[in-house]
Amino acid sequence: MGPHGDGDIEKIESESRRPISTVVFVIAMQAEAQPLVNKFGLSETSDSPLGKGLPWVLYHGLHKDLRIYVVCPGKDAASGIDSVGTVPASLITFASIQALQPDILINAGTCGAFKVKGANIGDVFLVSDVVFHDRRIPIPMFDLYGVGLRQAFSTPNLLKELNLKIGRLSTGDSLDMSTQDESLIIANDATLKDMEGAAVAYVAELLKVPVIFLKAVTDLIDGDKPTAEEFLQNLAVVTSALEETATKVINFIHGKTLSDL
């Protein structure tokens, strides 16, 4: 992931040879996080190491000897709804890497997807790489910076074992899709669309932490239903599918090194 100095490479190589001990899930919405929190019996951290007086919510627990954390941006003070989008996702990713020093990050959540790319409602995808579709800067090199293509950590054994679909994820700060967004998503050959992934990838790369993405499809971008309606209609059943896959991922990760994935 990006350029590394010799020290960084040695650090990553030594870390890839010991079993993973700490996993942090970055999840935007409480509804997406709750099934996982319930499944592993995670407790909300009262004296959060992420900082005082912030809305961010941190859950912690153990699965066998694997430390599991789930971090959510929490409720927006003014509106009382989940703080979705790239800015809160970046902040909680940064804070949780600094405070919890995870071996691997998992950005788990719901997404829209293209039926034409083979996606169906309830599918859970592993993400190959991520881009932005709403950072349009039509100046040489700034355009590439805007797209912000980054690879997810490669997990070929996990992909094979869980038999997941794989695709590129495109991130933007709107649930709907302008015609400009749509043409960029198609130009970037993305299968999935969310509001956090590429921002999480940016922070993970800065702090040199491997990141993978589990995205469960709530709505079809090229379907015939309005996005907001379809998203709300499918949220409960799809978050349950997301939890099932996340549980399988945790069970697969347990006892393995990064290079085993």
C-alpha atoms as a PDB file:
ATOM      1  CA  MET A   1       0.000   0.000   0.000  1.00  0.00           C
ATOM      2  CA  GLY A   2       1.946   3.009  -1.231  1.00  0.00           C
ATOM      3  CA  PRO A   3       5.641   3.683  -0.741  1.00  0.00           C
ATOM      4  CA  HIS A   4       7.320   2.209   2.331  1.00  0.00           C
ATOM      5  CA  GLY A   5      10.761   2.832   3.776  1.00  0.00           C
ATOM      6  CA  ASP A   6      12.955  -0.142   4.726  1.00  0.00           C
ATOM      7  CA  GLY A   7      11.882   0.097   8.370  1.00  0.00           C
ATOM      8  CA  ASP A   8       8.231   0.021   7.354  1.00  0.00           C
ATOM      9  CA  ILE A   9       8.755  -3.083   5.224  1.00  0.00           C
ATOM     10  CA  GLU A  10      10.547  -4.866   8.082  1.00  0.00           C
ATOM     11  CA  LYS A  11       7.747  -3.880  10.461  1.00  0.00           C
ATOM     12  CA  ILE A  12       5.066  -5.179   8.077  1.00  0.00           C
ATOM     13  CA  GLU A  13       7.005  -8.397   7.402  1.00  0.00           C
ATOM     14  CA  SER A  14       7.499  -9.157  11.092  1.00  0.00           C
ATOM     15  CA  GLU A  15       3.838  -8.394  11.787  1.00  0.00           C
ATOM     16  CA  SER A  16       2.665 -10.621   8.955  1.00  0.00           C
ATOM     17  CA  ARG A  17       4.374 -13.587  10.670  1.00  0.00           C
ATOM     18  CA  ARG A  18       2.548 -13.417  14.018  1.00  0.00           C
ATOM     19  CA  PRO A  19      -1.104 -14.273  14.629  1.00  0.00           C
ATOM     20  CA  ILE A  20      -3.568 -11.402  14.328  1.00  0.00           C
ATOM     21  CA  SER A  21      -4.599 -10.330  17.828  1.00  0.00           C
ATOM     22  CA  THR A  22      -6.664  -7.156  17.342  1.00  0.00           C
ATOM     23  CA  VAL A  23      -9.381  -6.434  14.769  1.00  0.00           C
ATOM     24  CA  VAL A  24     -11.220  -3.107  14.500  1.00  0.00           C
ATOM     25  CA  PHE A  25     -14.507  -2.875  12.600  1.00  0.00           C
ATOM     26  CA  VAL A  26     -15.311   0.625  11.309  1.00  0.00           C
ATOM     27  CA  ILE A  27     -19.092   0.816  10.818  1.00  0.00           C
ATOM     28  CA  ALA A  28     -21.074   3.944   9.924  1.00  0.00           C
ATOM     29  CA  MET A  29     -24.552   3.101  11.193  1.00  0.00           C
ATOM     30  CA  GLN A  30     -25.761   1.689  14.502  1.00  0.00           C
ATOM     31  CA  ALA A  31     -28.210  -0.563  12.589  1.00  0.00           C
ATOM     32  CA  GLU A  32     -25.263  -2.054  10.668  1.00  0.00           C
ATOM     33  CA  ALA A  33     -23.187  -2.551  13.844  1.00  0.00           C
ATOM     34  CA  GLN A  34     -25.833  -3.905  16.241  1.00  0.00           C
ATOM     35  CA  PRO A  35     -26.140  -7.477  14.873  1.00  0.00           C
ATOM     36  CA  LEU A  36     -22.355  -7.922  15.152  1.00  0.00           C
ATOM     37  CA  VAL A  37     -22.256  -6.385  18.643  1.00  0.00           C
ATOM     38  CA  ASN A  38     -25.024  -8.793  19.732  1.00  0.00           C
ATOM     39  CA  LYS A  39     -23.444 -11.827  18.049  1.00  0.00           C
ATOM     40  CA  PHE A  40     -20.102 -11.455  19.856  1.00  0.00           C
ATOM     41  CA  GLY A  41     -21.570 -10.072  23.084  1.00  0.00           C
ATOM     42  CA  LEU A  42     -19.498  -6.897  22.809  1.00  0.00           C
ATOM     43  CA  SER A  43     -19.771  -4.250  25.536  1.00  0.00           C
ATOM     44  CA  GLU A  44     -19.912  -0.519  25.013  1.00  0.00           C
ATOM     45  CA  THR A  45     -16.737   1.133  26.331  1.00  0.00           C
ATOM     46  CA  SER A  46     -17.692   3.765  28.895  1.00  0.00           C
ATOM     47  CA  ASP A  47     -14.310   5.475  29.333  1.00  0.00           C
ATOM     48  CA  SER A  48     -13.417   5.543  25.646  1.00  0.00           C
ATOM     49  CA  PRO A  49      -9.735   5.729  24.678  1.00  0.00           C
ATOM     50  CA  LEU A  50     -10.848   7.497  21.478  1.00  0.00           C
ATOM     51  CA  GLY A  51     -11.365  10.784  23.309  1.00  0.00           C
ATOM     52  CA  LYS A  52     -13.693  12.481  25.755  1.00  0.00           C
ATOM     53  CA  GLY A  53     -16.929  14.302  24.960  1.00  0.00           C
ATOM     54  CA  LEU A  54     -17.229  12.850  21.449  1.00  0.00           C
ATOM     55  CA  PRO A  55     -20.281  11.081  20.001  1.00  0.00           C
ATOM     56  CA  TRP A  56     -18.157   8.162  18.765  1.00  0.00           C
ATOM     57  CA  VAL A  57     -19.268   4.771  20.075  1.00  0.00           C
ATOM     58  CA  LEU A  58     -16.777   1.991  20.807  1.00  0.00           C
ATOM     59  CA  TYR A  59     -17.645  -1.630  21.595  1.00  0.00           C
ATOM     60  CA  HIS A  60     -15.108  -4.204  22.733  1.00  0.00           C
ATOM     61  CA  GLY A  61     -14.894  -7.903  23.482  1.00  0.00           C
ATOM     62  CA  LEU A  62     -12.959 -11.127  23.006  1.00  0.00           C
ATOM     63  CA  HIS A  63     -13.615 -13.998  20.644  1.00  0.00           C
ATOM     64  CA  LYS A  64     -11.394 -16.819  21.897  1.00  0.00           C
ATOM     65  CA  ASP A  65      -8.147 -14.791  22.161  1.00  0.00           C
ATOM     66  CA  LEU A  66      -8.935 -12.317  19.381  1.00  0.00           C
ATOM     67  CA  ARG A  67      -9.659  -8.765  20.562  1.00  0.00           C
ATOM     68  CA  ILE A  68     -12.598  -7.323  18.639  1.00  0.00           C
ATOM     69  CA  TYR A  69     -13.556  -3.666  18.558  1.00  0.00           C
ATOM     70  CA  VAL A  70     -16.452  -2.047  16.726  1.00  0.00           C
ATOM     71  CA  VAL A  71     -16.296   1.727  16.294  1.00  0.00           C
ATOM     72  CA  CYS A  72     -19.194   3.865  15.032  1.00  0.00           C
ATOM     73  CA  PRO A  73     -19.302   7.649  14.550  1.00  0.00           C
ATOM     74  CA  GLY A  74     -22.448   7.843  16.695  1.00  0.00           C
ATOM     75  CA  LYS A  75     -25.317  10.299  16.458  1.00  0.00           C
ATOM     76  CA  ASP A  76     -25.141  13.780  14.979  1.00  0.00           C
ATOM     77  CA  ALA A  77     -25.862  16.265  17.780  1.00  0.00           C
ATOM     78  CA  ALA A  78     -28.165  18.496  15.724  1.00  0.00           C
ATOM     79  CA  SER A  79     -30.280  15.862  13.951  1.00  0.00           C
ATOM     80  CA  GLY A  80     -29.925  12.768  16.143  1.00  0.00           C
ATOM     81  CA  ILE A  81     -29.216  10.494  13.175  1.00  0.00           C
ATOM     82  CA  ASP A  82     -26.129   8.369  12.405  1.00  0.00           C
ATOM     83  CA  SER A  83     -23.112  10.436  11.320  1.00  0.00           C
ATOM     84  CA  VAL A  84     -22.680   8.812   7.918  1.00  0.00           C
ATOM     85  CA  GLY A  85     -20.236   9.950   5.234  1.00  0.00           C
ATOM     86  CA  THR A  86     -16.518  10.303   4.621  1.00  0.00           C
ATOM     87  CA  VAL A  87     -15.588  12.909   7.244  1.00  0.00           C
ATOM     88  CA  PRO A  88     -16.821  11.069  10.374  1.00  0.00           C
ATOM     89  CA  ALA A  89     -15.509   7.773   8.918  1.00  0.00           C
ATOM     90  CA  SER A  90     -12.024   9.277   8.455  1.00  0.00           C
ATOM     91  CA  LEU A  91     -11.965  10.634  11.991  1.00  0.00           C
ATOM     92  CA  ILE A  92     -13.030   7.411  13.724  1.00  0.00           C
ATOM     93  CA  THR A  93     -10.619   5.389  11.577  1.00  0.00           C
ATOM     94  CA  PHE A  94      -7.726   7.674  12.530  1.00  0.00           C
ATOM     95  CA  ALA A  95      -8.646   7.770  16.232  1.00  0.00           C
ATOM     96  CA  SER A  96      -9.177   4.021  16.523  1.00  0.00           C
ATOM     97  CA  ILE A  97      -5.901   3.147  14.771  1.00  0.00           C
ATOM     98  CA  GLN A  98      -4.023   5.532  17.086  1.00  0.00           C
ATOM     99  CA  ALA A  99      -5.732   4.317  20.276  1.00  0.00           C
ATOM    100  CA  LEU A 100      -6.257   0.600  19.594  1.00  0.00           C
ATOM    101  CA  GLN A 101      -3.347  -0.299  17.245  1.00  0.00           C
ATOM    102  CA  PRO A 102      -5.234  -2.952  15.273  1.00  0.00           C
ATOM    103  CA  ASP A 103      -3.477  -5.590  13.165  1.00  0.00           C
ATOM    104  CA  ILE A 104      -6.252  -5.250  10.596  1.00  0.00           C
ATOM    105  CA  LEU A 105      -9.214  -2.953   9.965  1.00  0.00           C
ATOM    106  CA  ILE A 106     -12.531  -4.125   8.554  1.00  0.00           C
ATOM    107  CA  ASN A 107     -14.867  -1.498   7.116  1.00  0.00           C
ATOM    108  CA  ALA A 108     -18.237  -3.267   7.170  1.00  0.00           C
ATOM    109  CA  GLY A 109     -21.499  -1.801   5.964  1.00  0.00           C
ATOM    110  CA  THR A 110     -24.232  -1.624   3.395  1.00  0.00           C
ATOM    111  CA  CYS A 111     -23.907  -0.391  -0.180  1.00  0.00           C
ATOM    112  CA  GLY A 112     -25.645   0.109  -3.491  1.00  0.00           C
ATOM    113  CA  ALA A 113     -24.586  -2.082  -6.408  1.00  0.00           C
ATOM    114  CA  PHE A 114     -25.038  -2.619 -10.125  1.00  0.00           C
ATOM    115  CA  LYS A 115     -27.286  -5.500 -11.195  1.00  0.00           C
ATOM    116  CA  VAL A 116     -25.448  -5.476 -14.546  1.00  0.00           C
ATOM    117  CA  LYS A 117     -22.244  -6.353 -12.622  1.00  0.00           C
ATOM    118  CA  GLY A 118     -23.889  -9.456 -11.152  1.00  0.00           C
ATOM    119  CA  ALA A 119     -25.011  -8.005  -7.812  1.00  0.00           C
ATOM    120  CA  ASN A 120     -28.221  -8.953  -6.028  1.00  0.00           C
ATOM    121  CA  ILE A 121     -29.908  -7.606  -2.892  1.00  0.00           C
ATOM    122  CA  GLY A 122     -28.368  -9.306   0.151  1.00  0.00           C
ATOM    123  CA  ASP A 123     -25.062 -10.215  -1.531  1.00  0.00           C
ATOM    124  CA  VAL A 124     -21.999  -9.543   0.619  1.00  0.00           C
ATOM    125  CA  PHE A 125     -18.959  -8.444  -1.370  1.00  0.00           C
ATOM    126  CA  LEU A 126     -15.292  -8.367  -0.511  1.00  0.00           C
ATOM    127  CA  VAL A 127     -13.803  -5.234  -2.069  1.00  0.00           C
ATOM    128  CA  SER A 128     -10.791  -5.416  -4.396  1.00  0.00           C
ATOM    129  CA  ASP A 129     -10.030  -1.678  -4.465  1.00  0.00           C
ATOM    130  CA  VAL A 130     -11.682   1.673  -3.789  1.00  0.00           C
ATOM    131  CA  VAL A 131     -12.121   5.020  -5.540  1.00  0.00           C
ATOM    132  CA  PHE A 132     -14.024   8.282  -5.024  1.00  0.00           C
ATOM    133  CA  HIS A 133     -16.654   9.406  -7.540  1.00  0.00           C
ATOM    134  CA  ASP A 134     -17.463  12.898  -6.243  1.00  0.00           C
ATOM    135  CA  ARG A 135     -13.985  14.481  -6.089  1.00  0.00           C
ATOM    136  CA  ARG A 136     -13.879  15.992  -9.560  1.00  0.00           C
ATOM    137  CA  ILE A 137     -10.681  18.022 -10.055  1.00  0.00           C
ATOM    138  CA  PRO A 138     -10.087  18.308 -13.819  1.00  0.00           C
ATOM    139  CA  ILE A 139      -6.416  19.391 -13.586  1.00  0.00           C
ATOM    140  CA  PRO A 140      -3.550  17.018 -14.494  1.00  0.00           C
ATOM    141  CA  MET A 141      -2.536  14.816 -11.497  1.00  0.00           C
ATOM    142  CA  PHE A 142      -5.203  16.453  -9.295  1.00  0.00           C
ATOM    143  CA  ASP A 143      -7.723  14.355 -11.241  1.00  0.00           C
ATOM    144  CA  LEU A 144      -5.936  11.138 -10.174  1.00  0.00           C
ATOM    145  CA  TYR A 145      -5.651  12.412  -6.601  1.00  0.00           C
ATOM    146  CA  GLY A 146      -9.414  13.048  -6.666  1.00  0.00           C
ATOM    147  CA  VAL A 147     -10.201   9.498  -7.809  1.00  0.00           C
ATOM    148  CA  GLY A 148      -7.901   8.236  -5.017  1.00  0.00           C
ATOM    149  CA  LEU A 149      -7.552   4.626  -6.201  1.00  0.00           C
ATOM    150  CA  ARG A 150      -6.356   2.404  -3.343  1.00  0.00           C
ATOM    151  CA  GLN A 151      -6.102  -1.378  -3.006  1.00  0.00           C
ATOM    152  CA  ALA A 152      -7.751  -3.300  -0.210  1.00  0.00           C
ATOM    153  CA  PHE A 153      -5.430  -5.710   1.626  1.00  0.00           C
ATOM    154  CA  SER A 154      -5.251  -8.853  -0.496  1.00  0.00           C
ATOM    155  CA  THR A 155      -6.949 -11.871   1.144  1.00  0.00           C
ATOM    156  CA  PRO A 156      -7.076 -14.625  -1.520  1.00  0.00           C
ATOM    157  CA  ASN A 157      -7.587 -17.470   0.991  1.00  0.00           C
ATOM    158  CA  LEU A 158     -10.430 -15.671   2.760  1.00  0.00           C
ATOM    159  CA  LEU A 159     -12.092 -14.919  -0.589  1.00  0.00           C
ATOM    160  CA  LYS A 160     -11.881 -18.580  -1.630  1.00  0.00           C
ATOM    161  CA  GLU A 161     -12.926 -20.054   1.722  1.00  0.00           C
ATOM    162  CA  LEU A 162     -16.006 -17.823   2.103  1.00  0.00           C
ATOM    163  CA  ASN A 163     -16.822 -17.882  -1.621  1.00  0.00           C
ATOM    164  CA  LEU A 164     -17.589 -14.143  -1.650  1.00  0.00           C
ATOM    165  CA  LYS A 165     -18.207 -11.965  -4.678  1.00  0.00           C
ATOM    166  CA  ILE A 166     -15.499  -9.353  -5.287  1.00  0.00           C
ATOM    167  CA  GLY A 167     -15.667  -5.911  -6.860  1.00  0.00           C
ATOM    168  CA  ARG A 168     -14.451  -2.333  -6.883  1.00  0.00           C
ATOM    169  CA  LEU A 169     -16.089   0.100  -4.468  1.00  0.00           C
ATOM    170  CA  SER A 170     -16.772   3.746  -5.288  1.00  0.00           C
ATOM    171  CA  THR A 171     -17.338   6.253  -2.474  1.00  0.00           C
ATOM    172  CA  GLY A 172     -19.145   9.575  -2.364  1.00  0.00           C
ATOM    173  CA  ASP A 173     -20.950  11.707   0.206  1.00  0.00           C
ATOM    174  CA  SER A 174     -24.433  11.454  -1.335  1.00  0.00           C
ATOM    175  CA  LEU A 175     -26.891   8.563  -1.216  1.00  0.00           C
ATOM    176  CA  ASP A 176     -28.361   9.557  -4.562  1.00  0.00           C
ATOM    177  CA  MET A 177     -26.313   9.783  -7.728  1.00  0.00           C
ATOM    178  CA  SER A 178     -25.930  12.775 -10.024  1.00  0.00           C
ATOM    179  CA  THR A 179     -25.322  12.110 -13.715  1.00  0.00           C
ATOM    180  CA  GLN A 180     -21.685  13.194 -13.205  1.00  0.00           C
ATOM    181  CA  ASP A 181     -21.318  10.732 -10.305  1.00  0.00           C
ATOM    182  CA  GLU A 182     -22.834   7.982 -12.410  1.00  0.00           C
ATOM    183  CA  SER A 183     -20.545   8.554 -15.380  1.00  0.00           C
ATOM    184  CA  LEU A 184     -17.474   8.507 -13.077  1.00  0.00           C
ATOM    185  CA  ILE A 185     -18.634   5.351 -11.303  1.00  0.00           C
ATOM    186  CA  ILE A 186     -19.067   3.652 -14.685  1.00  0.00           C
ATOM    187  CA  ALA A 187     -15.754   5.051 -16.020  1.00  0.00           C
ATOM    188  CA  ASN A 188     -14.009   3.696 -12.895  1.00  0.00           C
ATOM    189  CA  ASP A 189     -15.616   0.287 -13.480  1.00  0.00           C
ATOM    190  CA  ALA A 190     -17.065   0.100  -9.954  1.00  0.00           C
ATOM    191  CA  THR A 191     -19.558  -2.575  -8.899  1.00  0.00           C
ATOM    192  CA  LEU A 192     -20.423  -1.083  -5.504  1.00  0.00           C
ATOM    193  CA  LYS A 193     -21.244   2.404  -4.175  1.00  0.00           C
ATOM    194  CA  ASP A 194     -21.011   3.572  -0.556  1.00  0.00           C
ATOM    195  CA  MET A 195     -20.369   6.698   1.556  1.00  0.00           C
ATOM    196  CA  GLU A 196     -17.261   5.732   3.579  1.00  0.00           C
ATOM    197  CA  GLY A 197     -14.942   3.112   2.074  1.00  0.00           C
ATOM    198  CA  ALA A 198     -12.424   5.197   0.126  1.00  0.00           C
ATOM    199  CA  ALA A 199     -12.034   7.550   3.102  1.00  0.00           C
ATOM    200  CA  VAL A 200     -11.281   4.629   5.443  1.00  0.00           C
ATOM    201  CA  ALA A 201      -8.750   3.333   2.880  1.00  0.00           C
ATOM    202  CA  TYR A 202      -7.040   6.739   2.750  1.00  0.00           C
ATOM    203  CA  VAL A 203      -6.480   6.794   6.528  1.00  0.00           C
ATOM    204  CA  ALA A 204      -5.444   3.117   6.644  1.00  0.00           C
ATOM    205  CA  GLU A 205      -2.812   3.806   3.988  1.00  0.00           C
ATOM    206  CA  LEU A 206      -1.522   6.882   5.832  1.00  0.00           C
ATOM    207  CA  LEU A 207      -1.078   4.885   9.040  1.00  0.00           C
ATOM    208  CA  LYS A 208       0.034   1.679   7.260  1.00  0.00           C
ATOM    209  CA  VAL A 209      -2.681  -0.621   8.590  1.00  0.00           C
ATOM    210  CA  PRO A 210      -4.115  -3.360   6.330  1.00  0.00           C
ATOM    211  CA  VAL A 211      -7.811  -2.827   5.587  1.00  0.00           C
ATOM    212  CA  ILE A 212     -10.486  -5.040   4.086  1.00  0.00           C
ATOM    213  CA  PHE A 213     -14.078  -4.153   3.204  1.00  0.00           C
ATOM    214  CA  LEU A 214     -17.267  -6.163   3.602  1.00  0.00           C
ATOM    215  CA  LYS A 215     -20.174  -4.511   1.788  1.00  0.00           C
ATOM    216  CA  ALA A 216     -23.720  -5.874   1.770  1.00  0.00           C
ATOM    217  CA  VAL A 217     -26.069  -4.798  -1.011  1.00  0.00           C
ATOM    218  CA  THR A 218     -29.268  -2.991   0.105  1.00  0.00           C
ATOM    219  CA  ASP A 219     -30.187  -1.342  -3.204  1.00  0.00           C
ATOM    220  CA  LEU A 220     -29.593  -1.779  -6.918  1.00  0.00           C
ATOM    221  CA  ILE A 221     -28.300   1.376  -8.606  1.00  0.00           C
ATOM    222  CA  ASP A 222     -29.626   0.244 -11.983  1.00  0.00           C
ATOM    223  CA  GLY A 223     -32.847  -1.217 -10.545  1.00  0.00           C
ATOM    224  CA  ASP A 224     -36.308   0.303 -10.859  1.00  0.00           C
ATOM    225  CA  LYS A 225     -36.949   1.307  -7.217  1.00  0.00           C
ATOM    226  CA  PRO A 226     -35.999   4.682  -5.666  1.00  0.00           C
ATOM    227  CA  THR A 227     -32.683   4.246  -3.786  1.00  0.00           C
ATOM    228  CA  ALA A 228     -33.799   5.651  -0.407  1.00  0.00           C
ATOM    229  CA  GLU A 229     -36.951   3.529  -0.340  1.00  0.00           C
ATOM    230  CA  GLU A 230     -35.120   0.345  -1.357  1.00  0.00           C
ATOM    231  CA  PHE A 231     -32.296   0.991   1.154  1.00  0.00           C
ATOM    232  CA  LEU A 232     -34.706   1.394   4.100  1.00  0.00           C
ATOM    233  CA  GLN A 233     -36.845  -1.553   2.996  1.00  0.00           C
ATOM    234  CA  ASN A 234     -33.849  -3.949   2.886  1.00  0.00           C
ATOM    235  CA  LEU A 235     -31.693  -2.584   5.726  1.00  0.00           C
ATOM    236  CA  ALA A 236     -32.732  -5.057   8.456  1.00  0.00           C
ATOM    237  CA  VAL A 237     -32.440  -8.254   6.408  1.00  0.00           C
ATOM    238  CA  VAL A 238     -29.204  -7.152   4.726  1.00  0.00           C
ATOM    239  CA  THR A 239     -27.469  -6.169   8.006  1.00  0.00           C
ATOM    240  CA  SER A 240     -28.224  -9.686   9.211  1.00  0.00           C
ATOM    241  CA  ALA A 241     -26.456 -11.102   6.100  1.00  0.00           C
ATOM    242  CA  LEU A 242     -23.558  -8.716   6.799  1.00  0.00           C
ATOM    243  CA  GLU A 243     -23.262 -10.016  10.383  1.00  0.00           C
ATOM    244  CA  GLU A 244     -23.239 -13.644   9.178  1.00  0.00           C
ATOM    245  CA  THR A 245     -20.380 -12.912   6.778  1.00  0.00           C
ATOM    246  CA  ALA A 246     -18.479 -10.807   9.350  1.00  0.00           C
ATOM    247  CA  THR A 247     -18.757 -13.717  11.798  1.00  0.00           C
ATOM    248  CA  LYS A 248     -17.311 -16.101   9.201  1.00  0.00           C
ATOM    249  CA  VAL A 249     -14.478 -13.609   8.570  1.00  0.00           C
ATOM    250  CA  ILE A 250     -13.689 -13.406  12.309  1.00  0.00           C
ATOM    251  CA  ASN A 251     -13.666 -17.205  12.584  1.00  0.00           C
ATOM    252  CA  PHE A 252     -11.383 -17.402   9.540  1.00  0.00           C
ATOM    253  CA  ILE A 253      -8.997 -14.726  10.862  1.00  0.00           C
ATOM    254  CA  HIS A 254      -8.702 -16.340  14.317  1.00  0.00           C
ATOM    255  CA  GLY A 255      -5.263 -17.906  14.835  1.00  0.00           C
ATOM    256  CA  LYS A 256      -3.977 -16.768  11.424  1.00  0.00           C
ATOM    257  CA  THR A 257      -1.266 -14.313  10.455  1.00  0.00           C
ATOM    258  CA  LEU A 258      -1.830 -11.502   7.930  1.00  0.00           C
ATOM    259  CA  SER A 259       0.038 -13.498   5.280  1.00  0.00           C
ATOM    260  CA  ASP A 260      -2.322 -16.485   5.857  1.00  0.00           C
ATOM    261  CA  LEU A 261      -5.282 -14.429   4.703  1.00  0.00           C
END
